[in-house]
Structures are given as C-alpha cells and as structure tokens.
N, C-alpha and C. Protein backbone atom coordinates (compact mmCIF):
# COMPACT_ATOMS: atom_id res chain seq x y z
N SER A 1 0.84 -1.17 0.00
CA SER A 1 0.00 0.00 0.00
C SER A 1 0.89 1.24 0.00
N SER A 2 0.43 2.28 -0.66
CA SER A 2 1.21 3.51 -0.72
C SER A 2 0.35 4.68 -0.27
N GLY A 3 0.95 5.83 -0.27
CA GLY A 3 0.22 7.03 0.11
C GLY A 3 0.49 7.42 1.55
N ILE A 4 -0.19 8.45 1.96
CA ILE A 4 0.05 9.02 3.29
C ILE A 4 -0.32 8.03 4.39
N ASN A 5 -1.35 7.22 4.19
CA ASN A 5 -1.77 6.26 5.20
C ASN A 5 -0.64 5.27 5.48
N ALA A 6 -0.02 4.74 4.44
CA ALA A 6 1.07 3.78 4.62
C ALA A 6 2.34 4.48 5.11
N GLU A 7 2.61 5.66 4.59
CA GLU A 7 3.83 6.37 4.93
C GLU A 7 3.90 6.75 6.40
N TYR A 8 2.79 7.13 6.99
CA TYR A 8 2.78 7.57 8.38
C TYR A 8 2.20 6.53 9.34
N GLY A 9 2.12 5.30 8.91
CA GLY A 9 1.69 4.23 9.80
C GLY A 9 0.18 4.13 9.97
N GLY A 10 -0.55 4.76 9.09
CA GLY A 10 -2.01 4.66 9.16
C GLY A 10 -2.62 5.62 10.16
N PHE A 11 -3.89 5.69 10.11
CA PHE A 11 -4.63 6.54 11.03
C PHE A 11 -4.98 5.73 12.27
N HIS A 12 -4.96 6.39 13.40
CA HIS A 12 -5.33 5.70 14.62
C HIS A 12 -6.24 6.60 15.45
N LYS A 13 -7.07 5.95 16.19
CA LYS A 13 -8.01 6.66 17.05
C LYS A 13 -7.31 6.90 18.38
N ASP A 14 -7.09 8.17 18.72
CA ASP A 14 -6.38 8.48 19.96
C ASP A 14 -7.28 9.04 21.06
N VAL A 15 -8.55 9.22 20.76
CA VAL A 15 -9.50 9.75 21.74
C VAL A 15 -10.79 8.93 21.65
N THR A 16 -11.31 8.60 22.79
CA THR A 16 -12.60 7.92 22.84
C THR A 16 -13.62 8.89 23.43
N ILE A 17 -14.64 9.19 22.68
CA ILE A 17 -15.69 10.09 23.15
C ILE A 17 -16.82 9.23 23.70
N THR A 18 -17.06 9.41 24.97
CA THR A 18 -18.10 8.61 25.62
C THR A 18 -19.46 9.28 25.47
N LYS A 19 -20.49 8.55 25.83
CA LYS A 19 -21.84 9.09 25.70
C LYS A 19 -22.13 10.23 26.68
N ASP A 20 -21.33 10.34 27.74
CA ASP A 20 -21.57 11.40 28.72
C ASP A 20 -20.67 12.64 28.47
N HIS A 21 -20.15 12.77 27.26
CA HIS A 21 -19.31 13.93 26.94
C HIS A 21 -20.15 15.22 26.93
N PRO A 22 -19.50 16.36 27.16
CA PRO A 22 -20.24 17.63 27.13
C PRO A 22 -20.87 17.87 25.75
N THR A 23 -22.06 18.39 25.76
CA THR A 23 -22.75 18.68 24.50
C THR A 23 -22.93 20.18 24.29
N ASN A 24 -22.51 20.98 25.27
CA ASN A 24 -22.62 22.43 25.15
C ASN A 24 -21.27 23.03 24.76
N LEU A 25 -21.31 24.09 24.01
CA LEU A 25 -20.12 24.85 23.69
C LEU A 25 -19.97 25.91 24.77
N PHE A 26 -18.89 25.87 25.51
CA PHE A 26 -18.68 26.79 26.61
C PHE A 26 -18.10 28.10 26.09
N LEU A 27 -18.98 28.98 25.63
CA LEU A 27 -18.56 30.22 24.98
C LEU A 27 -17.69 31.09 25.87
N SER A 28 -18.01 31.19 27.13
CA SER A 28 -17.22 32.06 28.02
C SER A 28 -15.80 31.52 28.19
N LYS A 29 -15.63 30.21 28.20
CA LYS A 29 -14.29 29.63 28.30
C LYS A 29 -13.48 29.93 27.04
N HIS A 30 -14.10 29.85 25.88
CA HIS A 30 -13.42 30.18 24.63
C HIS A 30 -13.03 31.65 24.63
N GLN A 31 -13.94 32.49 25.05
CA GLN A 31 -13.68 33.93 25.08
C GLN A 31 -12.52 34.24 26.03
N THR A 32 -12.54 33.66 27.22
CA THR A 32 -11.47 33.88 28.20
C THR A 32 -10.13 33.41 27.64
N PHE A 33 -10.13 32.27 26.99
CA PHE A 33 -8.90 31.73 26.40
C PHE A 33 -8.34 32.68 25.34
N LEU A 34 -9.19 33.16 24.45
CA LEU A 34 -8.73 34.07 23.39
C LEU A 34 -8.25 35.40 23.94
N LEU A 35 -8.95 35.93 24.92
CA LEU A 35 -8.56 37.21 25.51
C LEU A 35 -7.27 37.10 26.31
N SER A 36 -6.93 35.92 26.76
CA SER A 36 -5.73 35.74 27.58
C SER A 36 -4.44 35.95 26.80
N TYR A 37 -4.48 35.79 25.48
CA TYR A 37 -3.26 35.94 24.68
C TYR A 37 -2.62 37.31 24.84
N ALA A 38 -3.39 38.35 24.85
CA ALA A 38 -2.85 39.71 24.91
C ALA A 38 -2.47 40.12 26.32
N LYS A 39 -2.96 39.40 27.32
CA LYS A 39 -2.73 39.80 28.71
C LYS A 39 -1.31 39.51 29.19
N ASN A 40 -0.71 38.43 28.73
CA ASN A 40 0.62 38.05 29.19
C ASN A 40 1.63 38.18 28.05
N GLN A 41 2.10 39.38 27.83
CA GLN A 41 3.01 39.64 26.72
C GLN A 41 4.44 39.18 26.99
N ASN A 42 4.69 38.65 28.17
CA ASN A 42 6.00 38.09 28.47
C ASN A 42 6.02 36.57 28.36
N SER A 43 4.89 35.99 28.00
CA SER A 43 4.84 34.53 27.89
C SER A 43 5.64 34.06 26.68
N TYR A 44 6.11 32.84 26.77
CA TYR A 44 6.87 32.23 25.68
C TYR A 44 6.05 32.23 24.39
N GLU A 45 4.78 31.84 24.50
CA GLU A 45 3.92 31.74 23.32
C GLU A 45 3.74 33.11 22.65
N TYR A 46 3.57 34.15 23.46
CA TYR A 46 3.37 35.48 22.89
C TYR A 46 4.63 35.94 22.16
N VAL A 47 5.77 35.77 22.80
CA VAL A 47 7.03 36.21 22.20
C VAL A 47 7.33 35.43 20.93
N MET A 48 7.13 34.13 20.97
CA MET A 48 7.49 33.29 19.82
C MET A 48 6.51 33.41 18.65
N SER A 49 5.37 34.04 18.87
CA SER A 49 4.41 34.20 17.77
C SER A 49 4.45 35.61 17.17
N GLU A 50 5.50 36.36 17.49
CA GLU A 50 5.60 37.73 16.98
C GLU A 50 5.57 37.77 15.46
N TRP A 51 6.19 36.79 14.80
CA TRP A 51 6.31 36.79 13.35
C TRP A 51 4.96 36.63 12.64
N LEU A 52 3.91 36.25 13.37
CA LEU A 52 2.59 36.12 12.75
C LEU A 52 1.53 36.92 13.49
N ARG A 53 1.97 37.90 14.27
CA ARG A 53 1.07 38.63 15.17
C ARG A 53 -0.15 39.21 14.45
N ALA A 54 0.03 39.90 13.33
CA ALA A 54 -1.11 40.54 12.66
C ALA A 54 -2.16 39.49 12.26
N SER A 55 -1.71 38.36 11.75
CA SER A 55 -2.67 37.31 11.38
C SER A 55 -3.31 36.71 12.61
N GLY A 56 -2.53 36.51 13.67
CA GLY A 56 -3.08 35.98 14.91
C GLY A 56 -4.12 36.90 15.52
N VAL A 57 -3.85 38.20 15.46
CA VAL A 57 -4.83 39.18 15.96
C VAL A 57 -6.12 39.07 15.14
N TYR A 58 -5.98 38.96 13.83
CA TYR A 58 -7.17 38.83 12.98
C TYR A 58 -7.96 37.57 13.34
N TRP A 59 -7.28 36.43 13.50
CA TRP A 59 -7.97 35.17 13.82
C TRP A 59 -8.69 35.28 15.16
N CYS A 60 -8.00 35.83 16.15
CA CYS A 60 -8.62 35.97 17.48
C CYS A 60 -9.80 36.94 17.45
N LEU A 61 -9.63 38.07 16.76
CA LEU A 61 -10.72 39.05 16.69
C LEU A 61 -11.94 38.47 15.98
N THR A 62 -11.71 37.71 14.93
CA THR A 62 -12.82 37.08 14.21
C THR A 62 -13.57 36.12 15.13
N ALA A 63 -12.82 35.29 15.86
CA ALA A 63 -13.45 34.35 16.79
C ALA A 63 -14.21 35.10 17.87
N LEU A 64 -13.61 36.16 18.41
CA LEU A 64 -14.27 36.94 19.46
C LEU A 64 -15.52 37.63 18.94
N LYS A 65 -15.49 38.09 17.71
CA LYS A 65 -16.70 38.70 17.12
C LYS A 65 -17.81 37.66 16.99
N LEU A 66 -17.45 36.44 16.59
CA LEU A 66 -18.44 35.38 16.49
C LEU A 66 -19.02 35.01 17.86
N LEU A 67 -18.24 35.23 18.92
CA LEU A 67 -18.69 34.97 20.28
C LEU A 67 -19.41 36.18 20.88
N HIS A 68 -19.58 37.23 20.08
CA HIS A 68 -20.24 38.47 20.52
C HIS A 68 -19.54 39.09 21.73
N CYS A 69 -18.21 39.07 21.69
CA CYS A 69 -17.41 39.63 22.78
C CYS A 69 -17.38 41.15 22.67
N ASN A 70 -17.67 41.82 23.77
CA ASN A 70 -17.65 43.28 23.80
C ASN A 70 -16.50 43.82 24.66
N GLU A 71 -15.54 42.97 24.98
CA GLU A 71 -14.44 43.36 25.86
C GLU A 71 -13.21 43.86 25.10
N LEU A 72 -13.36 44.15 23.84
CA LEU A 72 -12.22 44.56 23.03
C LEU A 72 -12.00 46.06 23.11
N ASN A 73 -10.75 46.45 23.23
CA ASN A 73 -10.41 47.87 23.24
C ASN A 73 -10.03 48.27 21.81
N GLN A 74 -10.96 48.92 21.13
CA GLN A 74 -10.77 49.29 19.73
C GLN A 74 -9.54 50.19 19.54
N ASP A 75 -9.29 51.08 20.49
CA ASP A 75 -8.15 51.98 20.38
C ASP A 75 -6.83 51.21 20.42
N ASP A 76 -6.74 50.21 21.29
CA ASP A 76 -5.53 49.39 21.36
C ASP A 76 -5.31 48.61 20.07
N ILE A 77 -6.40 48.10 19.51
CA ILE A 77 -6.30 47.33 18.26
C ILE A 77 -5.84 48.24 17.13
N LEU A 78 -6.44 49.41 17.02
CA LEU A 78 -6.05 50.37 15.98
C LEU A 78 -4.59 50.80 16.16
N GLU A 79 -4.19 51.04 17.40
CA GLU A 79 -2.81 51.44 17.67
C GLU A 79 -1.83 50.35 17.24
N PHE A 80 -2.16 49.07 17.54
CA PHE A 80 -1.30 47.97 17.11
C PHE A 80 -1.20 47.91 15.60
N VAL A 81 -2.35 47.92 14.92
CA VAL A 81 -2.35 47.80 13.46
C VAL A 81 -1.55 48.93 12.82
N MET A 82 -1.78 50.13 13.27
CA MET A 82 -1.08 51.27 12.67
C MET A 82 0.42 51.28 13.02
N SER A 83 0.81 50.63 14.11
CA SER A 83 2.23 50.52 14.43
C SER A 83 2.95 49.57 13.49
N CYS A 84 2.20 48.77 12.74
CA CYS A 84 2.76 47.84 11.76
C CYS A 84 2.79 48.43 10.35
N TYR A 85 2.25 49.64 10.19
CA TYR A 85 2.11 50.28 8.88
C TYR A 85 3.43 50.86 8.40
N HIS A 86 3.68 50.72 7.10
CA HIS A 86 4.87 51.27 6.44
C HIS A 86 4.39 52.26 5.38
N PRO A 87 4.41 53.56 5.68
CA PRO A 87 3.87 54.55 4.75
C PRO A 87 4.61 54.59 3.41
N GLU A 88 5.90 54.24 3.40
CA GLU A 88 6.66 54.29 2.14
C GLU A 88 6.18 53.25 1.13
N SER A 89 5.65 52.13 1.61
CA SER A 89 5.16 51.08 0.69
C SER A 89 3.64 50.96 0.72
N GLY A 90 3.03 51.43 1.80
CA GLY A 90 1.59 51.28 1.95
C GLY A 90 1.21 49.93 2.53
N GLY A 91 2.21 49.12 2.89
CA GLY A 91 1.95 47.79 3.42
C GLY A 91 2.08 47.73 4.93
N PHE A 92 1.78 46.57 5.47
CA PHE A 92 1.84 46.33 6.90
C PHE A 92 2.75 45.14 7.17
N GLY A 93 3.48 45.20 8.27
CA GLY A 93 4.28 44.07 8.72
C GLY A 93 3.49 43.22 9.69
N ALA A 94 4.08 42.10 10.08
CA ALA A 94 3.42 41.19 11.03
C ALA A 94 3.35 41.80 12.42
N SER A 95 4.33 42.61 12.77
CA SER A 95 4.44 43.28 14.06
C SER A 95 5.18 44.59 13.83
N PRO A 96 5.20 45.47 14.80
CA PRO A 96 5.99 46.69 14.65
C PRO A 96 7.46 46.36 14.33
N LYS A 97 8.04 47.13 13.45
CA LYS A 97 9.44 46.98 13.03
C LYS A 97 9.70 45.75 12.15
N HIS A 98 8.64 45.07 11.70
CA HIS A 98 8.78 43.98 10.74
C HIS A 98 8.56 44.55 9.34
N ASP A 99 9.21 43.96 8.36
CA ASP A 99 9.05 44.42 6.98
C ASP A 99 7.61 44.19 6.52
N PRO A 100 7.13 45.06 5.63
CA PRO A 100 5.77 44.86 5.10
C PRO A 100 5.70 43.60 4.25
N HIS A 101 4.54 42.99 4.25
CA HIS A 101 4.32 41.75 3.49
C HIS A 101 2.85 41.69 3.11
N LEU A 102 2.57 41.10 1.96
CA LEU A 102 1.20 41.02 1.46
C LEU A 102 0.26 40.31 2.44
N LEU A 103 0.72 39.22 3.05
CA LEU A 103 -0.13 38.48 3.97
C LEU A 103 -0.54 39.33 5.17
N TYR A 104 0.41 40.06 5.75
CA TYR A 104 0.11 40.86 6.94
C TYR A 104 -0.62 42.15 6.58
N THR A 105 -0.44 42.59 5.35
CA THR A 105 -1.25 43.71 4.86
C THR A 105 -2.71 43.27 4.77
N LEU A 106 -2.94 42.09 4.24
CA LEU A 106 -4.30 41.54 4.18
C LEU A 106 -4.88 41.42 5.59
N SER A 107 -4.13 40.82 6.50
CA SER A 107 -4.63 40.66 7.88
C SER A 107 -4.95 42.01 8.51
N SER A 108 -4.10 42.98 8.30
CA SER A 108 -4.31 44.32 8.88
C SER A 108 -5.55 44.98 8.29
N VAL A 109 -5.74 44.88 7.00
CA VAL A 109 -6.93 45.46 6.37
C VAL A 109 -8.18 44.74 6.88
N GLN A 110 -8.10 43.43 7.05
CA GLN A 110 -9.23 42.67 7.58
C GLN A 110 -9.55 43.10 9.02
N ILE A 111 -8.51 43.34 9.83
CA ILE A 111 -8.73 43.83 11.19
C ILE A 111 -9.45 45.17 11.16
N LEU A 112 -8.97 46.06 10.32
CA LEU A 112 -9.58 47.38 10.23
C LEU A 112 -11.02 47.32 9.75
N ALA A 113 -11.33 46.33 8.91
CA ALA A 113 -12.68 46.17 8.38
C ALA A 113 -13.65 45.62 9.44
N LEU A 114 -13.11 44.94 10.44
CA LEU A 114 -13.98 44.38 11.49
C LEU A 114 -14.59 45.50 12.29
C-alpha cells in the first residue's frame, strides 16, 4: 500500500468520546482563552508568535466577534495595526518593526474592516 496512510503508519483513534461527553459549547471559556493571549506579553507563546502577530490578531478578533465579545479595546487594536504600517510602501508588517508583506497587509486590512 502507498500514500500518506502507509507512509505515516495509518490513522489511529487516539481519543474515545463517551456518551456522557459535554454537549454544550462553553462560549465564556473560549472567550477567556482568546482574551488571555494579549494579557501576558512576556509569555513564551506570545514572544514566539511575533512573526505572525497581525494574522493571529485577525484570527482571534474574528473568533471573538463570532462569540459576541464586547471586551475589546478598539483603540488598542487600531494602535497595534497602525504601528505595523509602512507609509513608504503602503503595506503592513506582522508586528511593529517587521518588513511589510502582502499576507500581513491583508490581515491588517481585515482587522480594520472588522
């Protein structure tokens, strides 16, 4: 047999979902989890994700909007996005002091559109 199934040893079931599993989506837990990213800017995860910050902000904001979260500080978000702006090219970087890139320009424009 060939293909990804043979190459990686096949698919295996690593989780068993029992009949008494939760059936509710805990929206407040998701919201708390997403909001926690910006609170600890000294965490390893925060520092190591700097290279994709603009996209990460977009993904989190989109999820928070779907959760109808009203705890967002629009001024802080705008300040972050504009700190990534490069007026000479019109593009945005992933984070402040990062070079502009099409992907992070898209993410920044999407953030501003939210």
